[in-house]
All heavy atoms as atom14 arrays in JSON, in Angstrom:
{
  "sequence": "IPNPGRNARMEEKQLAVISKTLARSPAKAGMKEDKWTGRLL",
  "atom14_mask": [
    [1, 1, 1, 1, 1, 1, 1, 1, 0, 0, 0, 0, 0, 0],
    [1, 1, 1, 1, 1, 1, 1, 0, 0, 0, 0, 0, 0, 0],
    [1, 1, 1, 1, 1, 1, 1, 1, 0, 0, 0, 0, 0, 0],
    [1, 1, 1, 1, 1, 1, 1, 0, 0, 0, 0, 0, 0, 0],
    [1, 1, 1, 1, 0, 0, 0, 0, 0, 0, 0, 0, 0, 0],
    [1, 1, 1, 1, 1, 1, 1, 1, 1, 1, 1, 0, 0, 0],
    [1, 1, 1, 1, 1, 1, 1, 1, 0, 0, 0, 0, 0, 0],
    [1, 1, 1, 1, 1, 0, 0, 0, 0, 0, 0, 0, 0, 0],
    [1, 1, 1, 1, 1, 1, 1, 1, 1, 1, 1, 0, 0, 0],
    [1, 1, 1, 1, 1, 1, 1, 1, 0, 0, 0, 0, 0, 0],
    [1, 1, 1, 1, 1, 1, 1, 1, 1, 0, 0, 0, 0, 0],
    [1, 1, 1, 1, 1, 1, 1, 1, 1, 0, 0, 0, 0, 0],
    [1, 1, 1, 1, 1, 1, 1, 1, 1, 0, 0, 0, 0, 0],
    [1, 1, 1, 1, 1, 1, 1, 1, 1, 0, 0, 0, 0, 0],
    [1, 1, 1, 1, 1, 1, 1, 1, 0, 0, 0, 0, 0, 0],
    [1, 1, 1, 1, 1, 0, 0, 0, 0, 0, 0, 0, 0, 0],
    [1, 1, 1, 1, 1, 1, 1, 0, 0, 0, 0, 0, 0, 0],
    [1, 1, 1, 1, 1, 1, 1, 1, 0, 0, 0, 0, 0, 0],
    [1, 1, 1, 1, 1, 1, 0, 0, 0, 0, 0, 0, 0, 0],
    [1, 1, 1, 1, 1, 1, 1, 1, 1, 0, 0, 0, 0, 0],
    [1, 1, 1, 1, 1, 1, 1, 0, 0, 0, 0, 0, 0, 0],
    [1, 1, 1, 1, 1, 1, 1, 1, 0, 0, 0, 0, 0, 0],
    [1, 1, 1, 1, 1, 0, 0, 0, 0, 0, 0, 0, 0, 0],
    [1, 1, 1, 1, 1, 1, 1, 1, 1, 1, 1, 0, 0, 0],
    [1, 1, 1, 1, 1, 1, 0, 0, 0, 0, 0, 0, 0, 0],
    [1, 1, 1, 1, 1, 1, 1, 0, 0, 0, 0, 0, 0, 0],
    [1, 1, 1, 1, 1, 0, 0, 0, 0, 0, 0, 0, 0, 0],
    [1, 1, 1, 1, 1, 1, 1, 1, 1, 0, 0, 0, 0, 0],
    [1, 1, 1, 1, 1, 0, 0, 0, 0, 0, 0, 0, 0, 0],
    [1, 1, 1, 1, 0, 0, 0, 0, 0, 0, 0, 0, 0, 0],
    [1, 1, 1, 1, 1, 1, 1, 1, 0, 0, 0, 0, 0, 0],
    [1, 1, 1, 1, 1, 1, 1, 1, 1, 0, 0, 0, 0, 0],
    [1, 1, 1, 1, 1, 1, 1, 1, 1, 0, 0, 0, 0, 0],
    [1, 1, 1, 1, 1, 1, 1, 1, 0, 0, 0, 0, 0, 0],
    [1, 1, 1, 1, 1, 1, 1, 1, 1, 0, 0, 0, 0, 0],
    [1, 1, 1, 1, 1, 1, 1, 1, 1, 1, 1, 1, 1, 1],
    [1, 1, 1, 1, 1, 1, 1, 0, 0, 0, 0, 0, 0, 0],
    [1, 1, 1, 1, 0, 0, 0, 0, 0, 0, 0, 0, 0, 0],
    [1, 1, 1, 1, 1, 1, 1, 1, 1, 1, 1, 0, 0, 0],
    [1, 1, 1, 1, 1, 1, 1, 1, 0, 0, 0, 0, 0, 0],
    [1, 1, 1, 1, 1, 1, 1, 1, 0, 0, 0, 0, 0, 0]
  ],
  "atom14_positions": [
    [[30.99, 46.8, -9.77], [30.25, 45.5, -9.63], [29.12, 45.54, -10.58], [28.3, 46.44, -10.57], [29.76, 45.33, -8.18], [30.93, 45.34, -7.22], [28.97, 44.02, -8.06], [30.55, 45.47, -5.74], [0.0, 0.0, 0.0], [0.0, 0.0, 0.0], [0.0, 0.0, 0.0], [0.0, 0.0, 0.0], [0.0, 0.0, 0.0], [0.0, 0.0, 0.0]],
    [[29.04, 44.58, -11.49], [27.97, 44.6, -12.46], [26.6, 44.57, -11.77], [26.37, 43.78, -10.88], [28.16, 43.33, -13.3], [29.5, 42.82, -12.94], [29.91, 43.42, -11.64], [0.0, 0.0, 0.0], [0.0, 0.0, 0.0], [0.0, 0.0, 0.0], [0.0, 0.0, 0.0], [0.0, 0.0, 0.0], [0.0, 0.0, 0.0], [0.0, 0.0, 0.0]],
    [[25.74, 45.41, -12.17], [24.37, 45.47, -11.58], [23.43, 44.67, -12.57], [23.32, 45.05, -13.72], [23.85, 46.88, -11.51], [24.61, 47.6, -10.44], [25.05, 47.06, -9.46], [24.76, 48.97, -10.66], [0.0, 0.0, 0.0], [0.0, 0.0, 0.0], [0.0, 0.0, 0.0], [0.0, 0.0, 0.0], [0.0, 0.0, 0.0], [0.0, 0.0, 0.0]],
    [[22.89, 43.6, -12.03], [21.92, 42.9, -12.92], [20.64, 43.75, -13.13], [20.34, 44.56, -12.27], [21.59, 41.63, -12.11], [21.85, 42.03, -10.71], [22.9, 43.0, -10.73], [0.0, 0.0, 0.0], [0.0, 0.0, 0.0], [0.0, 0.0, 0.0], [0.0, 0.0, 0.0], [0.0, 0.0, 0.0], [0.0, 0.0, 0.0], [0.0, 0.0, 0.0]],
    [[20.12, 43.6, -14.22], [18.98, 44.36, -14.5], [18.38, 43.95, -15.82], [18.97, 43.17, -16.61], [0.0, 0.0, 0.0], [0.0, 0.0, 0.0], [0.0, 0.0, 0.0], [0.0, 0.0, 0.0], [0.0, 0.0, 0.0], [0.0, 0.0, 0.0], [0.0, 0.0, 0.0], [0.0, 0.0, 0.0], [0.0, 0.0, 0.0], [0.0, 0.0, 0.0]],
    [[17.2, 44.48, -16.12], [16.53, 44.21, -17.32], [17.28, 44.75, -18.53], [17.7, 45.9, -18.45], [15.14, 44.67, -17.24], [14.29, 44.52, -18.41], [12.97, 45.27, -18.17], [11.87, 44.47, -18.69], [10.67, 44.79, -18.44], [10.3, 45.73, -17.68], [9.71, 43.94, -18.96], [0.0, 0.0, 0.0], [0.0, 0.0, 0.0], [0.0, 0.0, 0.0]],
    [[17.39, 43.98, -19.55], [18.0, 44.54, -20.8], [17.0, 45.51, -21.48], [15.79, 45.38, -21.39], [18.32, 43.41, -21.77], [19.42, 42.54, -21.27], [20.31, 42.97, -20.53], [19.41, 41.29, -21.72], [0.0, 0.0, 0.0], [0.0, 0.0, 0.0], [0.0, 0.0, 0.0], [0.0, 0.0, 0.0], [0.0, 0.0, 0.0], [0.0, 0.0, 0.0]],
    [[17.58, 46.49, -22.11], [16.84, 47.51, -22.78], [16.0, 46.84, -23.89], [16.56, 45.98, -24.65], [17.7, 48.59, -23.37], [0.0, 0.0, 0.0], [0.0, 0.0, 0.0], [0.0, 0.0, 0.0], [0.0, 0.0, 0.0], [0.0, 0.0, 0.0], [0.0, 0.0, 0.0], [0.0, 0.0, 0.0], [0.0, 0.0, 0.0], [0.0, 0.0, 0.0]],
    [[14.79, 47.22, -24.07], [13.96, 46.65, -25.12], [13.77, 47.73, -26.21], [12.78, 47.69, -26.9], [12.59, 46.23, -24.58], [12.73, 44.98, -23.66], [11.31, 44.48, -23.34], [10.72, 45.34, -22.3], [9.46, 45.19, -21.91], [8.73, 44.28, -22.4], [8.95, 46.02, -21.03], [0.0, 0.0, 0.0], [0.0, 0.0, 0.0], [0.0, 0.0, 0.0]],
    [[14.76, 48.54, -26.36], [14.74, 49.59, -27.38], [15.45, 49.01, -28.6], [16.49, 48.36, -28.51], [15.41, 50.8, -26.98], [14.79, 51.51, -25.69], [13.39, 52.44, -26.09], [14.14, 53.81, -26.92], [0.0, 0.0, 0.0], [0.0, 0.0, 0.0], [0.0, 0.0, 0.0], [0.0, 0.0, 0.0], [0.0, 0.0, 0.0], [0.0, 0.0, 0.0]],
    [[14.92, 49.31, -29.75], [15.55, 48.96, -31.06], [16.71, 49.89, -31.23], [16.7, 51.04, -30.78], [14.58, 49.08, -32.15], [13.38, 48.12, -32.08], [12.33, 48.32, -33.14], [12.62, 49.1, -34.15], [11.27, 47.79, -32.99], [0.0, 0.0, 0.0], [0.0, 0.0, 0.0], [0.0, 0.0, 0.0], [0.0, 0.0, 0.0], [0.0, 0.0, 0.0]],
    [[17.7, 49.5, -32.04], [18.85, 50.31, -32.39], [18.42, 51.56, -33.0], [18.96, 52.67, -32.78], [19.82, 49.53, -33.28], [20.56, 48.41, -32.52], [21.47, 48.88, -31.42], [22.11, 49.98, -31.59], [21.53, 48.26, -30.37], [0.0, 0.0, 0.0], [0.0, 0.0, 0.0], [0.0, 0.0, 0.0], [0.0, 0.0, 0.0], [0.0, 0.0, 0.0]],
    [[17.41, 51.53, -33.86], [16.92, 52.67, -34.56], [16.36, 53.71, -33.59], [16.61, 54.89, -33.67], [15.83, 52.28, -35.56], [15.37, 53.36, -36.46], [14.41, 52.78, -37.46], [13.94, 53.88, -38.45], [12.96, 53.4, -39.43], [0.0, 0.0, 0.0], [0.0, 0.0, 0.0], [0.0, 0.0, 0.0], [0.0, 0.0, 0.0], [0.0, 0.0, 0.0]],
    [[15.64, 53.18, -32.54], [15.06, 54.12, -31.53], [16.14, 54.74, -30.67], [16.13, 55.93, -30.37], [14.09, 53.4, -30.69], [12.84, 52.99, -31.36], [11.94, 52.12, -30.52], [12.43, 51.22, -29.81], [10.6, 52.4, -30.57], [0.0, 0.0, 0.0], [0.0, 0.0, 0.0], [0.0, 0.0, 0.0], [0.0, 0.0, 0.0], [0.0, 0.0, 0.0]],
    [[17.2, 53.96, -30.38], [18.29, 54.5, -29.58], [19.04, 55.56, -30.41], [19.46, 56.6, -29.83], [19.29, 53.36, -29.24], [18.76, 52.42, -28.13], [19.76, 51.27, -27.93], [18.46, 53.06, -26.87], [0.0, 0.0, 0.0], [0.0, 0.0, 0.0], [0.0, 0.0, 0.0], [0.0, 0.0, 0.0], [0.0, 0.0, 0.0], [0.0, 0.0, 0.0]],
    [[19.18, 55.31, -31.67], [19.82, 56.29, -32.53], [19.02, 57.64, -32.59], [19.56, 58.68, -32.56], [20.02, 55.77, -33.99], [0.0, 0.0, 0.0], [0.0, 0.0, 0.0], [0.0, 0.0, 0.0], [0.0, 0.0, 0.0], [0.0, 0.0, 0.0], [0.0, 0.0, 0.0], [0.0, 0.0, 0.0], [0.0, 0.0, 0.0], [0.0, 0.0, 0.0]],
    [[17.7, 57.53, -32.63], [16.85, 58.7, -32.56], [17.05, 59.53, -31.31], [17.19, 60.72, -31.3], [15.38, 58.3, -32.78], [14.46, 59.47, -32.43], [15.09, 57.86, -34.16], [0.0, 0.0, 0.0], [0.0, 0.0, 0.0], [0.0, 0.0, 0.0], [0.0, 0.0, 0.0], [0.0, 0.0, 0.0], [0.0, 0.0, 0.0], [0.0, 0.0, 0.0]],
    [[17.05, 58.81, -30.18], [17.27, 59.43, -28.84], [18.66, 60.16, -28.85], [18.73, 61.27, -28.4], [17.07, 58.43, -27.71], [15.67, 57.96, -27.66], [17.46, 59.09, -26.42], [15.36, 56.86, -26.72], [0.0, 0.0, 0.0], [0.0, 0.0, 0.0], [0.0, 0.0, 0.0], [0.0, 0.0, 0.0], [0.0, 0.0, 0.0], [0.0, 0.0, 0.0]],
    [[19.66, 59.46, -29.23], [20.96, 59.97, -29.17], [21.14, 61.2, -30.1], [21.63, 62.24, -29.68], [21.98, 58.89, -29.68], [23.26, 59.41, -29.69], [0.0, 0.0, 0.0], [0.0, 0.0, 0.0], [0.0, 0.0, 0.0], [0.0, 0.0, 0.0], [0.0, 0.0, 0.0], [0.0, 0.0, 0.0], [0.0, 0.0, 0.0], [0.0, 0.0, 0.0]],
    [[20.52, 61.11, -31.27], [20.57, 62.23, -32.25], [19.79, 63.42, -31.69], [20.24, 64.55, -31.8], [19.94, 61.78, -33.57], [19.88, 62.8, -34.61], [19.27, 62.24, -35.88], [18.63, 63.33, -36.73], [17.81, 62.79, -37.78], [0.0, 0.0, 0.0], [0.0, 0.0, 0.0], [0.0, 0.0, 0.0], [0.0, 0.0, 0.0], [0.0, 0.0, 0.0]],
    [[18.65, 63.15, -31.02], [17.89, 64.21, -30.44], [18.61, 64.92, -29.31], [18.61, 66.18, -29.26], [16.52, 63.6, -29.94], [15.81, 62.98, -30.94], [15.71, 64.68, -29.26], [0.0, 0.0, 0.0], [0.0, 0.0, 0.0], [0.0, 0.0, 0.0], [0.0, 0.0, 0.0], [0.0, 0.0, 0.0], [0.0, 0.0, 0.0], [0.0, 0.0, 0.0]],
    [[19.28, 64.15, -28.43], [19.96, 64.74, -27.33], [21.19, 65.46, -27.74], [21.74, 66.3, -26.98], [20.29, 63.68, -26.29], [19.04, 63.14, -25.57], [19.47, 61.96, -24.69], [18.36, 64.17, -24.76], [0.0, 0.0, 0.0], [0.0, 0.0, 0.0], [0.0, 0.0, 0.0], [0.0, 0.0, 0.0], [0.0, 0.0, 0.0], [0.0, 0.0, 0.0]],
    [[21.72, 65.16, -28.91], [22.99, 65.78, -29.4], [22.73, 67.26, -29.83], [23.71, 68.02, -29.91], [23.54, 64.98, -30.59], [0.0, 0.0, 0.0], [0.0, 0.0, 0.0], [0.0, 0.0, 0.0], [0.0, 0.0, 0.0], [0.0, 0.0, 0.0], [0.0, 0.0, 0.0], [0.0, 0.0, 0.0], [0.0, 0.0, 0.0], [0.0, 0.0, 0.0]],
    [[21.51, 67.61, -30.01], [21.24, 68.99, -30.36], [20.33, 69.61, -29.27], [19.8, 68.9, -28.47], [20.57, 69.09, -31.72], [19.28, 68.26, -31.81], [18.8, 68.26, -33.24], [17.6, 67.37, -33.22], [16.71, 67.39, -34.09], [16.82, 68.14, -35.16], [15.67, 66.55, -34.08], [0.0, 0.0, 0.0], [0.0, 0.0, 0.0], [0.0, 0.0, 0.0]],
    [[20.34, 70.89, -29.27], [19.54, 71.62, -28.22], [18.04, 71.49, -28.49], [17.64, 71.31, -29.7], [19.94, 73.06, -28.22], [19.47, 73.74, -29.31], [0.0, 0.0, 0.0], [0.0, 0.0, 0.0], [0.0, 0.0, 0.0], [0.0, 0.0, 0.0], [0.0, 0.0, 0.0], [0.0, 0.0, 0.0], [0.0, 0.0, 0.0], [0.0, 0.0, 0.0]],
    [[17.2, 71.59, -27.48], [15.79, 71.6, -27.72], [15.34, 72.67, -28.69], [14.42, 72.47, -29.48], [15.22, 71.8, -26.33], [16.26, 71.35, -25.4], [17.53, 71.65, -26.07], [0.0, 0.0, 0.0], [0.0, 0.0, 0.0], [0.0, 0.0, 0.0], [0.0, 0.0, 0.0], [0.0, 0.0, 0.0], [0.0, 0.0, 0.0], [0.0, 0.0, 0.0]],
    [[16.01, 73.81, -28.66], [15.6, 74.95, -29.53], [15.8, 74.53, -30.96], [14.98, 74.83, -31.85], [16.44, 76.2, -29.22], [0.0, 0.0, 0.0], [0.0, 0.0, 0.0], [0.0, 0.0, 0.0], [0.0, 0.0, 0.0], [0.0, 0.0, 0.0], [0.0, 0.0, 0.0], [0.0, 0.0, 0.0], [0.0, 0.0, 0.0], [0.0, 0.0, 0.0]],
    [[16.84, 73.84, -31.28], [17.15, 73.37, -32.63], [16.17, 72.22, -33.05], [15.97, 72.05, -34.23], [18.56, 72.83, -32.82], [19.58, 73.99, -32.74], [21.03, 73.46, -33.02], [21.95, 74.6, -32.95], [23.36, 74.12, -33.13], [0.0, 0.0, 0.0], [0.0, 0.0, 0.0], [0.0, 0.0, 0.0], [0.0, 0.0, 0.0], [0.0, 0.0, 0.0]],
    [[15.55, 71.63, -32.09], [14.55, 70.64, -32.37], [13.18, 71.21, -32.4], [12.2, 70.48, -32.56], [14.59, 69.49, -31.28], [0.0, 0.0, 0.0], [0.0, 0.0, 0.0], [0.0, 0.0, 0.0], [0.0, 0.0, 0.0], [0.0, 0.0, 0.0], [0.0, 0.0, 0.0], [0.0, 0.0, 0.0], [0.0, 0.0, 0.0], [0.0, 0.0, 0.0]],
    [[13.08, 72.51, -32.3], [11.8, 73.19, -32.44], [11.07, 73.35, -31.12], [9.86, 73.69, -31.12], [0.0, 0.0, 0.0], [0.0, 0.0, 0.0], [0.0, 0.0, 0.0], [0.0, 0.0, 0.0], [0.0, 0.0, 0.0], [0.0, 0.0, 0.0], [0.0, 0.0, 0.0], [0.0, 0.0, 0.0], [0.0, 0.0, 0.0], [0.0, 0.0, 0.0]],
    [[11.72, 73.18, -30.03], [11.12, 73.32, -28.7], [11.45, 74.7, -28.13], [12.42, 75.27, -28.5], [11.6, 72.19, -27.77], [11.32, 70.79, -28.33], [9.72, 70.33, -28.82], [9.07, 69.86, -27.25], [0.0, 0.0, 0.0], [0.0, 0.0, 0.0], [0.0, 0.0, 0.0], [0.0, 0.0, 0.0], [0.0, 0.0, 0.0], [0.0, 0.0, 0.0]],
    [[10.68, 75.12, -27.16], [10.87, 76.43, -26.58], [11.96, 76.48, -25.5], [12.55, 77.45, -25.19], [9.53, 76.94, -25.99], [8.52, 77.27, -27.02], [7.2, 77.71, -26.42], [6.22, 77.97, -27.5], [4.88, 78.29, -26.97], [0.0, 0.0, 0.0], [0.0, 0.0, 0.0], [0.0, 0.0, 0.0], [0.0, 0.0, 0.0], [0.0, 0.0, 0.0]],
    [[12.16, 75.33, -24.82], [13.1, 75.22, -23.69], [14.54, 75.25, -24.19], [14.84, 74.93, -25.33], [12.85, 73.99, -22.87], [11.56, 74.05, -22.0], [10.3, 73.84, -22.84], [10.34, 73.56, -24.0], [9.2, 73.99, -22.23], [0.0, 0.0, 0.0], [0.0, 0.0, 0.0], [0.0, 0.0, 0.0], [0.0, 0.0, 0.0], [0.0, 0.0, 0.0]],
    [[15.51, 75.54, -23.26], [16.92, 75.64, -23.6], [17.64, 74.3, -23.28], [18.75, 74.06, -23.73], [17.61, 76.77, -22.86], [17.1, 78.13, -23.29], [16.66, 78.19, -24.45], [17.12, 79.05, -22.47], [0.0, 0.0, 0.0], [0.0, 0.0, 0.0], [0.0, 0.0, 0.0], [0.0, 0.0, 0.0], [0.0, 0.0, 0.0], [0.0, 0.0, 0.0]],
    [[17.0, 73.51, -22.36], [17.7, 72.33, -21.93], [16.75, 71.16, -21.89], [15.59, 71.34, -21.53], [18.26, 72.6, -20.46], [19.06, 71.52, -19.92], [19.58, 71.86, -18.57], [20.42, 70.77, -18.0], [20.93, 70.96, -16.68], [0.0, 0.0, 0.0], [0.0, 0.0, 0.0], [0.0, 0.0, 0.0], [0.0, 0.0, 0.0], [0.0, 0.0, 0.0]],
    [[17.24, 69.97, -22.26], [16.43, 68.79, -22.26], [16.09, 68.38, -20.79], [16.96, 68.41, -20.0], [17.13, 67.58, -22.92], [17.17, 67.79, -24.45], [18.3, 67.93, -25.18], [16.12, 67.7, -25.37], [17.99, 68.01, -26.51], [16.63, 67.86, -26.64], [14.72, 67.53, -25.21], [15.79, 67.84, -27.76], [13.94, 67.47, -26.35], [14.47, 67.72, -27.62]],
    [[14.85, 68.02, -20.6], [14.42, 67.42, -19.36], [13.76, 66.13, -19.69], [13.38, 65.83, -20.86], [13.41, 68.33, -18.58], [12.22, 68.44, -19.45], [14.01, 69.66, -18.28], [0.0, 0.0, 0.0], [0.0, 0.0, 0.0], [0.0, 0.0, 0.0], [0.0, 0.0, 0.0], [0.0, 0.0, 0.0], [0.0, 0.0, 0.0], [0.0, 0.0, 0.0]],
    [[13.51, 65.27, -18.69], [12.8, 64.02, -18.99], [11.47, 64.26, -19.56], [11.03, 63.55, -20.49], [0.0, 0.0, 0.0], [0.0, 0.0, 0.0], [0.0, 0.0, 0.0], [0.0, 0.0, 0.0], [0.0, 0.0, 0.0], [0.0, 0.0, 0.0], [0.0, 0.0, 0.0], [0.0, 0.0, 0.0], [0.0, 0.0, 0.0], [0.0, 0.0, 0.0]],
    [[10.72, 65.16, -19.01], [9.39, 65.49, -19.45], [9.41, 65.98, -20.92], [8.62, 65.51, -21.83], [8.7, 66.47, -18.56], [7.43, 67.16, -19.12], [6.24, 66.28, -19.28], [5.87, 65.63, -18.07], [5.27, 64.45, -18.01], [4.89, 63.86, -19.04], [4.96, 63.94, -16.79], [0.0, 0.0, 0.0], [0.0, 0.0, 0.0], [0.0, 0.0, 0.0]],
    [[10.32, 66.9, -21.21], [10.46, 67.46, -22.59], [10.81, 66.42, -23.55], [10.23, 66.31, -24.62], [11.5, 68.63, -22.58], [11.7, 69.37, -23.83], [10.41, 70.11, -24.25], [12.79, 70.36, -23.69], [0.0, 0.0, 0.0], [0.0, 0.0, 0.0], [0.0, 0.0, 0.0], [0.0, 0.0, 0.0], [0.0, 0.0, 0.0], [0.0, 0.0, 0.0]],
    [[11.81, 65.58, -23.23], [12.22, 64.52, -24.15], [11.1, 63.56, -24.38], [10.85, 63.12, -25.52], [13.47, 63.83, -23.58], [14.02, 62.65, -24.46], [14.41, 63.23, -25.85], [15.17, 62.0, -23.78], [0.0, 0.0, 0.0], [0.0, 0.0, 0.0], [0.0, 0.0, 0.0], [0.0, 0.0, 0.0], [0.0, 0.0, 0.0], [0.0, 0.0, 0.0]]
  ]
}
């Protein structure tokens, strides 16, 4: 059942950055942790 909700106000470029970031490990992004968390991201 479609859930009504607010549309994302993110630009395509920002979404691409998030997707690209999550596609690699935090270690490869220069972070000390092994797994992405909300706080870390």
